[in-house]
Amino acid sequence: MHRHCPPSRASRRQFPRRRLRVTIEVDLPDALVNEARANGLLNSAPLGDLLATELRRRKAAAQLNGILTDIRAQPGEPLSEAEIAAKIKASRTERRAREAGR
């Protein structure tokens, strides 16, 4: 049984192009299928949202990994926790002084 559901706003914003009908067959545990079906997740819109969310998550993870690689490639020794805490404290003190001067 296939029911067509309109795409959600989130997936329309992420993927605004023409629509393709795709049939996917997956093997899932009965309990998972039953719970997903009971929660309306086996329809086009929620499945599209799940896919769009996962694609955004993977893209963000790849970008973060790139940033971390760049950070790790920086010369010199990493800051200690005490040095980081001191920099944070100094930054907060500086910000408070600026805000007090307004």
PDB file of N, CA and C in Angstrom:
ATOM      1  N   MET A   1       0.845  -1.182   0.000  1.00  0.00           N
ATOM      2  CA  MET A   1       0.000   0.000   0.000  1.00  0.00           C
ATOM      3  C   MET A   1       0.882   1.234   0.000  1.00  0.00           C
ATOM      4  N   HIS A   2       0.755   2.064  -0.997  1.00  0.00           N
ATOM      5  CA  HIS A   2       1.516   3.306  -1.091  1.00  0.00           C
ATOM      6  C   HIS A   2       0.560   4.474  -1.004  1.00  0.00           C
ATOM      7  N   ARG A   3       0.849   5.366  -0.073  1.00  0.00           N
ATOM      8  CA  ARG A   3       0.097   6.607   0.010  1.00  0.00           C
ATOM      9  C   ARG A   3       1.066   7.729  -0.264  1.00  0.00           C
ATOM     10  N   HIS A   4       0.640   8.656  -1.087  1.00  0.00           N
ATOM     11  CA  HIS A   4       1.505   9.784  -1.392  1.00  0.00           C
ATOM     12  C   HIS A   4       1.190  10.914  -0.424  1.00  0.00           C
ATOM     13  N   CYS A   5       2.238  11.393   0.242  1.00  0.00           N
ATOM     14  CA  CYS A   5       2.089  12.538   1.141  1.00  0.00           C
ATOM     15  C   CYS A   5       2.862  13.702   0.550  1.00  0.00           C
ATOM     16  N   PRO A   6       2.331  14.894   0.678  1.00  0.00           N
ATOM     17  CA  PRO A   6       3.061  16.046   0.151  1.00  0.00           C
ATOM     18  C   PRO A   6       4.362  16.231   0.928  1.00  0.00           C
ATOM     19  N   PRO A   7       5.372  16.803   0.299  1.00  0.00           N
ATOM     20  CA  PRO A   7       6.646  17.014   0.988  1.00  0.00           C
ATOM     21  C   PRO A   7       6.495  18.062   2.077  1.00  0.00           C
ATOM     22  N   SER A   8       7.281  17.933   3.120  1.00  0.00           N
ATOM     23  CA  SER A   8       7.232  18.912   4.201  1.00  0.00           C
ATOM     24  C   SER A   8       7.920  20.199   3.760  1.00  0.00           C
ATOM     25  N   ARG A   9       7.731  21.272   4.531  1.00  0.00           N
ATOM     26  CA  ARG A   9       8.370  22.546   4.203  1.00  0.00           C
ATOM     27  C   ARG A   9       9.883  22.439   4.297  1.00  0.00           C
ATOM     28  N   ALA A  10      10.370  21.706   5.320  1.00  0.00           N
ATOM     29  CA  ALA A  10      11.823  21.577   5.498  1.00  0.00           C
ATOM     30  C   ALA A  10      12.460  20.896   4.303  1.00  0.00           C
ATOM     31  N   SER A  11      11.865  19.815   3.830  1.00  0.00           N
ATOM     32  CA  SER A  11      12.480  19.129   2.692  1.00  0.00           C
ATOM     33  C   SER A  11      12.303  19.934   1.405  1.00  0.00           C
ATOM     34  N   ARG A  12      11.229  20.722   1.287  1.00  0.00           N
ATOM     35  CA  ARG A  12      11.048  21.576   0.103  1.00  0.00           C
ATOM     36  C   ARG A  12      12.113  22.660   0.066  1.00  0.00           C
ATOM     37  N   ARG A  13      12.441  23.235   1.233  1.00  0.00           N
ATOM     38  CA  ARG A  13      13.483  24.261   1.287  1.00  0.00           C
ATOM     39  C   ARG A  13      14.845  23.659   0.957  1.00  0.00           C
ATOM     40  N   GLN A  14      15.115  22.497   1.477  1.00  0.00           N
ATOM     41  CA  GLN A  14      16.408  21.856   1.271  1.00  0.00           C
ATOM     42  C   GLN A  14      16.561  21.340  -0.154  1.00  0.00           C
ATOM     43  N   PHE A  15      15.520  20.760  -0.697  1.00  0.00           N
ATOM     44  CA  PHE A  15      15.556  20.144  -2.021  1.00  0.00           C
ATOM     45  C   PHE A  15      14.352  20.627  -2.844  1.00  0.00           C
ATOM     46  N   PRO A  16      14.409  21.868  -3.373  1.00  0.00           N
ATOM     47  CA  PRO A  16      13.232  22.461  -4.021  1.00  0.00           C
ATOM     48  C   PRO A  16      12.970  22.003  -5.452  1.00  0.00           C
ATOM     49  N   ARG A  17      13.771  21.137  -6.001  1.00  0.00           N
ATOM     50  CA  ARG A  17      13.638  20.769  -7.408  1.00  0.00           C
ATOM     51  C   ARG A  17      12.491  19.808  -7.640  1.00  0.00           C
ATOM     52  N   ARG A  18      12.432  19.339  -8.871  1.00  0.00           N
ATOM     53  CA  ARG A  18      11.334  18.460  -9.250  1.00  0.00           C
ATOM     54  C   ARG A  18      11.313  17.198  -8.397  1.00  0.00           C
ATOM     55  N   ARG A  19      10.153  16.577  -8.335  1.00  0.00           N
ATOM     56  CA  ARG A  19       9.937  15.405  -7.494  1.00  0.00           C
ATOM     57  C   ARG A  19      10.108  14.136  -8.326  1.00  0.00           C
ATOM     58  N   LEU A  20      10.734  13.154  -7.743  1.00  0.00           N
ATOM     59  CA  LEU A  20      10.856  11.838  -8.352  1.00  0.00           C
ATOM     60  C   LEU A  20      10.196  10.823  -7.444  1.00  0.00           C
ATOM     61  N   ARG A  21       9.522   9.882  -8.014  1.00  0.00           N
ATOM     62  CA  ARG A  21       8.947   8.806  -7.216  1.00  0.00           C
ATOM     63  C   ARG A  21       9.974   7.686  -7.162  1.00  0.00           C
ATOM     64  N   VAL A  22      10.335   7.296  -5.962  1.00  0.00           N
ATOM     65  CA  VAL A  22      11.336   6.257  -5.748  1.00  0.00           C
ATOM     66  C   VAL A  22      10.724   5.190  -4.857  1.00  0.00           C
ATOM     67  N   THR A  23      10.920   3.951  -5.233  1.00  0.00           N
ATOM     68  CA  THR A  23      10.476   2.839  -4.403  1.00  0.00           C
ATOM     69  C   THR A  23      11.713   2.222  -3.773  1.00  0.00           C
ATOM     70  N   ILE A  24      11.709   2.138  -2.453  1.00  0.00           N
ATOM     71  CA  ILE A  24      12.837   1.597  -1.706  1.00  0.00           C
ATOM     72  C   ILE A  24      12.355   0.393  -0.914  1.00  0.00           C
ATOM     73  N   GLU A  25      13.125  -0.660  -0.960  1.00  0.00           N
ATOM     74  CA  GLU A  25      12.790  -1.846  -0.177  1.00  0.00           C
ATOM     75  C   GLU A  25      13.919  -2.075   0.820  1.00  0.00           C
ATOM     76  N   VAL A  26      13.553  -2.140   2.096  1.00  0.00           N
ATOM     77  CA  VAL A  26      14.547  -2.362   3.144  1.00  0.00           C
ATOM     78  C   VAL A  26      14.052  -3.460   4.073  1.00  0.00           C
ATOM     79  N   ASP A  27      14.987  -4.160   4.679  1.00  0.00           N
ATOM     80  CA  ASP A  27      14.656  -5.179   5.667  1.00  0.00           C
ATOM     81  C   ASP A  27      14.865  -4.585   7.048  1.00  0.00           C
ATOM     82  N   LEU A  28      13.777  -4.482   7.811  1.00  0.00           N
ATOM     83  CA  LEU A  28      13.823  -3.897   9.147  1.00  0.00           C
ATOM     84  C   LEU A  28      13.141  -4.836  10.126  1.00  0.00           C
ATOM     85  N   PRO A  29      13.508  -4.761  11.392  1.00  0.00           N
ATOM     86  CA  PRO A  29      12.828  -5.571  12.400  1.00  0.00           C
ATOM     87  C   PRO A  29      11.343  -5.202  12.488  1.00  0.00           C
ATOM     88  N   ASP A  30      10.517  -6.198  12.729  1.00  0.00           N
ATOM     89  CA  ASP A  30       9.067  -5.979  12.815  1.00  0.00           C
ATOM     90  C   ASP A  30       8.707  -4.879  13.803  1.00  0.00           C
ATOM     91  N   ALA A  31       9.338  -4.902  14.974  1.00  0.00           N
ATOM     92  CA  ALA A  31       9.004  -3.922  16.010  1.00  0.00           C
ATOM     93  C   ALA A  31       9.289  -2.498  15.525  1.00  0.00           C
ATOM     94  N   LEU A  32      10.395  -2.317  14.827  1.00  0.00           N
ATOM     95  CA  LEU A  32      10.741  -0.997  14.317  1.00  0.00           C
ATOM     96  C   LEU A  32       9.728  -0.538  13.269  1.00  0.00           C
ATOM     97  N   VAL A  33       9.360  -1.429  12.361  1.00  0.00           N
ATOM     98  CA  VAL A  33       8.379  -1.101  11.328  1.00  0.00           C
ATOM     99  C   VAL A  33       7.043  -0.741  11.965  1.00  0.00           C
ATOM    100  N   ASN A  34       6.610  -1.534  12.924  1.00  0.00           N
ATOM    101  CA  ASN A  34       5.319  -1.275  13.575  1.00  0.00           C
ATOM    102  C   ASN A  34       5.308   0.064  14.299  1.00  0.00           C
ATOM    103  N   GLU A  35       6.399   0.368  15.013  1.00  0.00           N
ATOM    104  CA  GLU A  35       6.454   1.639  15.733  1.00  0.00           C
ATOM    105  C   GLU A  35       6.536   2.817  14.767  1.00  0.00           C
ATOM    106  N   ALA A  36       7.330   2.671  13.712  1.00  0.00           N
ATOM    107  CA  ALA A  36       7.442   3.737  12.715  1.00  0.00           C
ATOM    108  C   ALA A  36       6.095   3.970  12.042  1.00  0.00           C
ATOM    109  N   ARG A  37       5.433   2.900  11.687  1.00  0.00           N
ATOM    110  CA  ARG A  37       4.117   3.019  11.048  1.00  0.00           C
ATOM    111  C   ARG A  37       3.123   3.688  12.001  1.00  0.00           C
ATOM    112  N   ALA A  38       3.127   3.283  13.269  1.00  0.00           N
ATOM    113  CA  ALA A  38       2.198   3.850  14.257  1.00  0.00           C
ATOM    114  C   ALA A  38       2.438   5.343  14.453  1.00  0.00           C
ATOM    115  N   ASN A  39       3.675   5.781  14.223  1.00  0.00           N
ATOM    116  CA  ASN A  39       4.007   7.195  14.386  1.00  0.00           C
ATOM    117  C   ASN A  39       4.003   7.956  13.065  1.00  0.00           C
ATOM    118  N   GLY A  40       3.506   7.348  12.016  1.00  0.00           N
ATOM    119  CA  GLY A  40       3.365   8.018  10.733  1.00  0.00           C
ATOM    120  C   GLY A  40       4.675   8.289  10.009  1.00  0.00           C
ATOM    121  N   LEU A  41       5.720   7.542  10.335  1.00  0.00           N
ATOM    122  CA  LEU A  41       7.025   7.796   9.734  1.00  0.00           C
ATOM    123  C   LEU A  41       7.266   7.073   8.416  1.00  0.00           C
ATOM    124  N   LEU A  42       6.363   6.208   8.018  1.00  0.00           N
ATOM    125  CA  LEU A  42       6.558   5.465   6.779  1.00  0.00           C
ATOM    126  C   LEU A  42       5.843   6.115   5.604  1.00  0.00           C
ATOM    127  N   ASN A  43       5.682   7.417   5.666  1.00  0.00           N
ATOM    128  CA  ASN A  43       5.073   8.188   4.585  1.00  0.00           C
ATOM    129  C   ASN A  43       6.137   9.069   3.936  1.00  0.00           C
ATOM    130  N   SER A  44       5.854   9.559   2.759  1.00  0.00           N
ATOM    131  CA  SER A  44       6.835  10.319   1.979  1.00  0.00           C
ATOM    132  C   SER A  44       7.402  11.531   2.726  1.00  0.00           C
ATOM    133  N   ALA A  45       6.557  12.358   3.297  1.00  0.00           N
ATOM    134  CA  ALA A  45       7.039  13.587   3.936  1.00  0.00           C
ATOM    135  C   ALA A  45       7.977  13.299   5.108  1.00  0.00           C
ATOM    136  N   PRO A  46       7.593  12.440   6.064  1.00  0.00           N
ATOM    137  CA  PRO A  46       8.519  12.197   7.169  1.00  0.00           C
ATOM    138  C   PRO A  46       9.808  11.490   6.725  1.00  0.00           C
ATOM    139  N   LEU A  47       9.699  10.576   5.769  1.00  0.00           N
ATOM    140  CA  LEU A  47      10.911   9.922   5.273  1.00  0.00           C
ATOM    141  C   LEU A  47      11.808  10.926   4.557  1.00  0.00           C
ATOM    142  N   GLY A  48      11.217  11.828   3.800  1.00  0.00           N
ATOM    143  CA  GLY A  48      11.991  12.884   3.150  1.00  0.00           C
ATOM    144  C   GLY A  48      12.673  13.775   4.169  1.00  0.00           C
ATOM    145  N   ASP A  49      11.955  14.114   5.250  1.00  0.00           N
ATOM    146  CA  ASP A  49      12.547  14.920   6.316  1.00  0.00           C
ATOM    147  C   ASP A  49      13.711  14.195   6.976  1.00  0.00           C
ATOM    148  N   LEU A  50      13.526  12.890   7.243  1.00  0.00           N
ATOM    149  CA  LEU A  50      14.602  12.108   7.853  1.00  0.00           C
ATOM    150  C   LEU A  50      15.837  12.087   6.955  1.00  0.00           C
ATOM    151  N   LEU A  51      15.638  11.885   5.668  1.00  0.00           N
ATOM    152  CA  LEU A  51      16.768  11.865   4.737  1.00  0.00           C
ATOM    153  C   LEU A  51      17.443  13.236   4.653  1.00  0.00           C
ATOM    154  N   ALA A  52      16.642  14.290   4.561  1.00  0.00           N
ATOM    155  CA  ALA A  52      17.205  15.646   4.482  1.00  0.00           C
ATOM    156  C   ALA A  52      17.988  15.981   5.751  1.00  0.00           C
ATOM    157  N   THR A  53      17.450  15.604   6.903  1.00  0.00           N
ATOM    158  CA  THR A  53      18.131  15.851   8.175  1.00  0.00           C
ATOM    159  C   THR A  53      19.449  15.092   8.236  1.00  0.00           C
ATOM    160  N   GLU A  54      19.437  13.844   7.815  1.00  0.00           N
ATOM    161  CA  GLU A  54      20.658  13.040   7.835  1.00  0.00           C
ATOM    162  C   GLU A  54      21.694  13.600   6.867  1.00  0.00           C
ATOM    163  N   LEU A  55      21.266  14.052   5.717  1.00  0.00           N
ATOM    164  CA  LEU A  55      22.212  14.652   4.765  1.00  0.00           C
ATOM    165  C   LEU A  55      22.830  15.927   5.329  1.00  0.00           C
ATOM    166  N   ARG A  56      22.014  16.770   5.981  1.00  0.00           N
ATOM    167  CA  ARG A  56      22.547  17.983   6.620  1.00  0.00           C
ATOM    168  C   ARG A  56      23.528  17.618   7.732  1.00  0.00           C
ATOM    169  N   ARG A  57      23.190  16.592   8.523  1.00  0.00           N
ATOM    170  CA  ARG A  57      24.053  16.161   9.626  1.00  0.00           C
ATOM    171  C   ARG A  57      25.394  15.674   9.090  1.00  0.00           C
ATOM    172  N   ARG A  58      25.358  14.886   8.039  1.00  0.00           N
ATOM    173  CA  ARG A  58      26.602  14.363   7.466  1.00  0.00           C
ATOM    174  C   ARG A  58      27.449  15.476   6.863  1.00  0.00           C
ATOM    175  N   LYS A  59      26.796  16.450   6.215  1.00  0.00           N
ATOM    176  CA  LYS A  59      27.535  17.575   5.641  1.00  0.00           C
ATOM    177  C   LYS A  59      28.188  18.394   6.755  1.00  0.00           C
ATOM    178  N   ALA A  60      27.446  18.639   7.840  1.00  0.00           N
ATOM    179  CA  ALA A  60      27.995  19.397   8.971  1.00  0.00           C
ATOM    180  C   ALA A  60      29.147  18.629   9.616  1.00  0.00           C
ATOM    181  N   ALA A  61      29.020  17.312   9.747  1.00  0.00           N
ATOM    182  CA  ALA A  61      30.087  16.500  10.334  1.00  0.00           C
ATOM    183  C   ALA A  61      31.340  16.551   9.466  1.00  0.00           C
ATOM    184  N   ALA A  62      31.161  16.505   8.150  1.00  0.00           N
ATOM    185  CA  ALA A  62      32.309  16.581   7.247  1.00  0.00           C
ATOM    186  C   ALA A  62      32.994  17.948   7.366  1.00  0.00           C
ATOM    187  N   GLN A  63      32.203  19.017   7.448  1.00  0.00           N
ATOM    188  CA  GLN A  63      32.776  20.356   7.606  1.00  0.00           C
ATOM    189  C   GLN A  63      33.526  20.465   8.929  1.00  0.00           C
ATOM    190  N   LEU A  64      32.941  19.926   9.999  1.00  0.00           N
ATOM    191  CA  LEU A  64      33.590  19.959  11.305  1.00  0.00           C
ATOM    192  C   LEU A  64      34.897  19.171  11.277  1.00  0.00           C
ATOM    193  N   ASN A  65      34.887  18.006  10.637  1.00  0.00           N
ATOM    194  CA  ASN A  65      36.118  17.230  10.533  1.00  0.00           C
ATOM    195  C   ASN A  65      37.190  18.003   9.775  1.00  0.00           C
ATOM    196  N   GLY A  66      36.793  18.723   8.728  1.00  0.00           N
ATOM    197  CA  GLY A  66      37.745  19.556   7.999  1.00  0.00           C
ATOM    198  C   GLY A  66      38.331  20.650   8.876  1.00  0.00           C
ATOM    199  N   ILE A  67      37.479  21.284   9.666  1.00  0.00           N
ATOM    200  CA  ILE A  67      37.934  22.342  10.572  1.00  0.00           C
ATOM    201  C   ILE A  67      38.893  21.764  11.613  1.00  0.00           C
ATOM    202  N   LEU A  68      38.527  20.598  12.179  1.00  0.00           N
ATOM    203  CA  LEU A  68      39.390  19.975  13.183  1.00  0.00           C
ATOM    204  C   LEU A  68      40.738  19.593  12.586  1.00  0.00           C
ATOM    205  N   THR A  69      40.735  19.111  11.364  1.00  0.00           N
ATOM    206  CA  THR A  69      41.991  18.770  10.686  1.00  0.00           C
ATOM    207  C   THR A  69      42.853  20.020  10.536  1.00  0.00           C
ATOM    208  N   ASP A  70      42.236  21.138  10.134  1.00  0.00           N
ATOM    209  CA  ASP A  70      42.971  22.398   9.998  1.00  0.00           C
ATOM    210  C   ASP A  70      43.527  22.867  11.339  1.00  0.00           C
ATOM    211  N   ILE A  71      42.727  22.736  12.387  1.00  0.00           N
ATOM    212  CA  ILE A  71      43.176  23.154  13.723  1.00  0.00           C
ATOM    213  C   ILE A  71      44.349  22.292  14.171  1.00  0.00           C
ATOM    214  N   ARG A  72      44.237  20.995  13.994  1.00  0.00           N
ATOM    215  CA  ARG A  72      45.305  20.083  14.417  1.00  0.00           C
ATOM    216  C   ARG A  72      46.590  20.298  13.623  1.00  0.00           C
ATOM    217  N   ALA A  73      46.480  20.842  12.416  1.00  0.00           N
ATOM    218  CA  ALA A  73      47.648  21.076  11.574  1.00  0.00           C
ATOM    219  C   ALA A  73      48.386  22.362  11.948  1.00  0.00           C
ATOM    220  N   GLN A  74      47.834  23.165  12.860  1.00  0.00           N
ATOM    221  CA  GLN A  74      48.473  24.408  13.260  1.00  0.00           C
ATOM    222  C   GLN A  74      49.777  24.110  13.994  1.00  0.00           C
ATOM    223  N   PRO A  75      50.788  24.929  13.755  1.00  0.00           N
ATOM    224  CA  PRO A  75      52.065  24.706  14.437  1.00  0.00           C
ATOM    225  C   PRO A  75      51.967  25.063  15.918  1.00  0.00           C
ATOM    226  N   GLY A  76      52.884  24.536  16.685  1.00  0.00           N
ATOM    227  CA  GLY A  76      52.940  24.841  18.107  1.00  0.00           C
ATOM    228  C   GLY A  76      52.185  23.823  18.935  1.00  0.00           C
ATOM    229  N   GLU A  77      52.296  24.006  20.225  1.00  0.00           N
ATOM    230  CA  GLU A  77      51.649  23.104  21.174  1.00  0.00           C
ATOM    231  C   GLU A  77      50.232  23.577  21.465  1.00  0.00           C
ATOM    232  N   PRO A  78      49.316  22.630  21.683  1.00  0.00           N
ATOM    233  CA  PRO A  78      47.953  23.027  22.063  1.00  0.00           C
ATOM    234  C   PRO A  78      47.956  23.701  23.431  1.00  0.00           C
ATOM    235  N   LEU A  79      46.966  24.557  23.654  1.00  0.00           N
ATOM    236  CA  LEU A  79      46.836  25.228  24.948  1.00  0.00           C
ATOM    237  C   LEU A  79      46.409  24.225  26.009  1.00  0.00           C
ATOM    238  N   SER A  80      46.873  24.458  27.221  1.00  0.00           N
ATOM    239  CA  SER A  80      46.433  23.623  28.347  1.00  0.00           C
ATOM    240  C   SER A  80      45.048  24.091  28.784  1.00  0.00           C
ATOM    241  N   GLU A  81      44.405  23.301  29.616  1.00  0.00           N
ATOM    242  CA  GLU A  81      43.083  23.702  30.127  1.00  0.00           C
ATOM    243  C   GLU A  81      43.183  25.001  30.915  1.00  0.00           C
ATOM    244  N   ALA A  82      44.270  25.161  31.672  1.00  0.00           N
ATOM    245  CA  ALA A  82      44.455  26.386  32.462  1.00  0.00           C
ATOM    246  C   ALA A  82      44.612  27.596  31.547  1.00  0.00           C
ATOM    247  N   GLU A  83      45.350  27.436  30.452  1.00  0.00           N
ATOM    248  CA  GLU A  83      45.531  28.539  29.507  1.00  0.00           C
ATOM    249  C   GLU A  83      44.202  28.895  28.832  1.00  0.00           C
ATOM    250  N   ILE A  84      43.441  27.885  28.472  1.00  0.00           N
ATOM    251  CA  ILE A  84      42.126  28.124  27.870  1.00  0.00           C
ATOM    252  C   ILE A  84      41.223  28.861  28.850  1.00  0.00           C
ATOM    253  N   ALA A  85      41.195  28.397  30.106  1.00  0.00           N
ATOM    254  CA  ALA A  85      40.370  29.035  31.136  1.00  0.00           C
ATOM    255  C   ALA A  85      40.784  30.493  31.330  1.00  0.00           C
ATOM    256  N   ALA A  86      42.097  30.762  31.306  1.00  0.00           N
ATOM    257  CA  ALA A  86      42.576  32.135  31.478  1.00  0.00           C
ATOM    258  C   ALA A  86      42.145  32.999  30.303  1.00  0.00           C
ATOM    259  N   LYS A  87      42.217  32.484  29.087  1.00  0.00           N
ATOM    260  CA  LYS A  87      41.790  33.249  27.907  1.00  0.00           C
ATOM    261  C   LYS A  87      40.291  33.539  27.959  1.00  0.00           C
ATOM    262  N   ILE A  88      39.503  32.558  28.374  1.00  0.00           N
ATOM    263  CA  ILE A  88      38.048  32.750  28.501  1.00  0.00           C
ATOM    264  C   ILE A  88      37.758  33.821  29.535  1.00  0.00           C
ATOM    265  N   LYS A  89      38.432  33.743  30.676  1.00  0.00           N
ATOM    266  CA  LYS A  89      38.218  34.722  31.739  1.00  0.00           C
ATOM    267  C   LYS A  89      38.588  36.123  31.263  1.00  0.00           C
ATOM    268  N   ALA A  90      39.704  36.240  30.566  1.00  0.00           N
ATOM    269  CA  ALA A  90      40.129  37.550  30.064  1.00  0.00           C
ATOM    270  C   ALA A  90      39.133  38.094  29.046  1.00  0.00           C
ATOM    271  N   SER A  91      38.637  37.237  28.185  1.00  0.00           N
ATOM    272  CA  SER A  91      37.664  37.659  27.177  1.00  0.00           C
ATOM    273  C   SER A  91      36.372  38.128  27.839  1.00  0.00           C
ATOM    274  N   ARG A  92      35.929  37.393  28.845  1.00  0.00           N
ATOM    275  CA  ARG A  92      34.698  37.791  29.550  1.00  0.00           C
ATOM    276  C   ARG A  92      34.887  39.118  30.276  1.00  0.00           C
ATOM    277  N   THR A  93      36.050  39.277  30.892  1.00  0.00           N
ATOM    278  CA  THR A  93      36.336  40.530  31.597  1.00  0.00           C
ATOM    279  C   THR A  93      36.330  41.697  30.624  1.00  0.00           C
ATOM    280  N   GLU A  94      36.963  41.492  29.473  1.00  0.00           N
ATOM    281  CA  GLU A  94      37.000  42.519  28.427  1.00  0.00           C
ATOM    282  C   GLU A  94      35.594  42.860  27.937  1.00  0.00           C
ATOM    283  N   ARG A  95      34.767  41.840  27.721  1.00  0.00           N
ATOM    284  CA  ARG A  95      33.398  42.065  27.244  1.00  0.00           C
ATOM    285  C   ARG A  95      32.582  42.836  28.283  1.00  0.00           C
ATOM    286  N   ARG A  96      32.719  42.462  29.546  1.00  0.00           N
ATOM    287  CA  ARG A  96      31.979  43.157  30.599  1.00  0.00           C
ATOM    288  C   ARG A  96      32.380  44.634  30.680  1.00  0.00           C
ATOM    289  N   ALA A  97      33.682  44.882  30.501  1.00  0.00           N
ATOM    290  CA  ALA A  97      34.165  46.266  30.540  1.00  0.00           C
ATOM    291  C   ALA A  97      33.573  47.058  29.369  1.00  0.00           C
ATOM    292  N   ARG A  98      33.518  46.455  28.195  1.00  0.00           N
ATOM    293  CA  ARG A  98      32.919  47.136  27.030  1.00  0.00           C
ATOM    294  C   ARG A  98      31.445  47.412  27.278  1.00  0.00           C
ATOM    295  N   GLU A  99      30.740  46.407  27.812  1.00  0.00           N
ATOM    296  CA  GLU A  99      29.297  46.568  28.038  1.00  0.00           C
ATOM    297  C   GLU A  99      29.030  47.603  29.123  1.00  0.00           C
ATOM    298  N   ALA A 100      29.889  47.698  30.105  1.00  0.00           N
ATOM    299  CA  ALA A 100      29.712  48.683  31.182  1.00  0.00           C
ATOM    300  C   ALA A 100      29.938  50.102  30.669  1.00  0.00           C
ATOM    301  N   GLY A 101      30.772  50.235  29.640  1.00  0.00           N
ATOM    302  CA  GLY A 101      31.076  51.555  29.075  1.00  0.00           C
ATOM    303  C   GLY A 101      30.027  52.086  28.116  1.00  0.00           C
ATOM    304  N   ARG A 102      29.022  51.335  27.849  1.00  0.00           N
ATOM    305  CA  ARG A 102      27.988  51.773  26.894  1.00  0.00           C
ATOM    306  C   ARG A 102      27.077  52.780  27.485  1.00  0.00           C
TER     307      ARG A 102
END
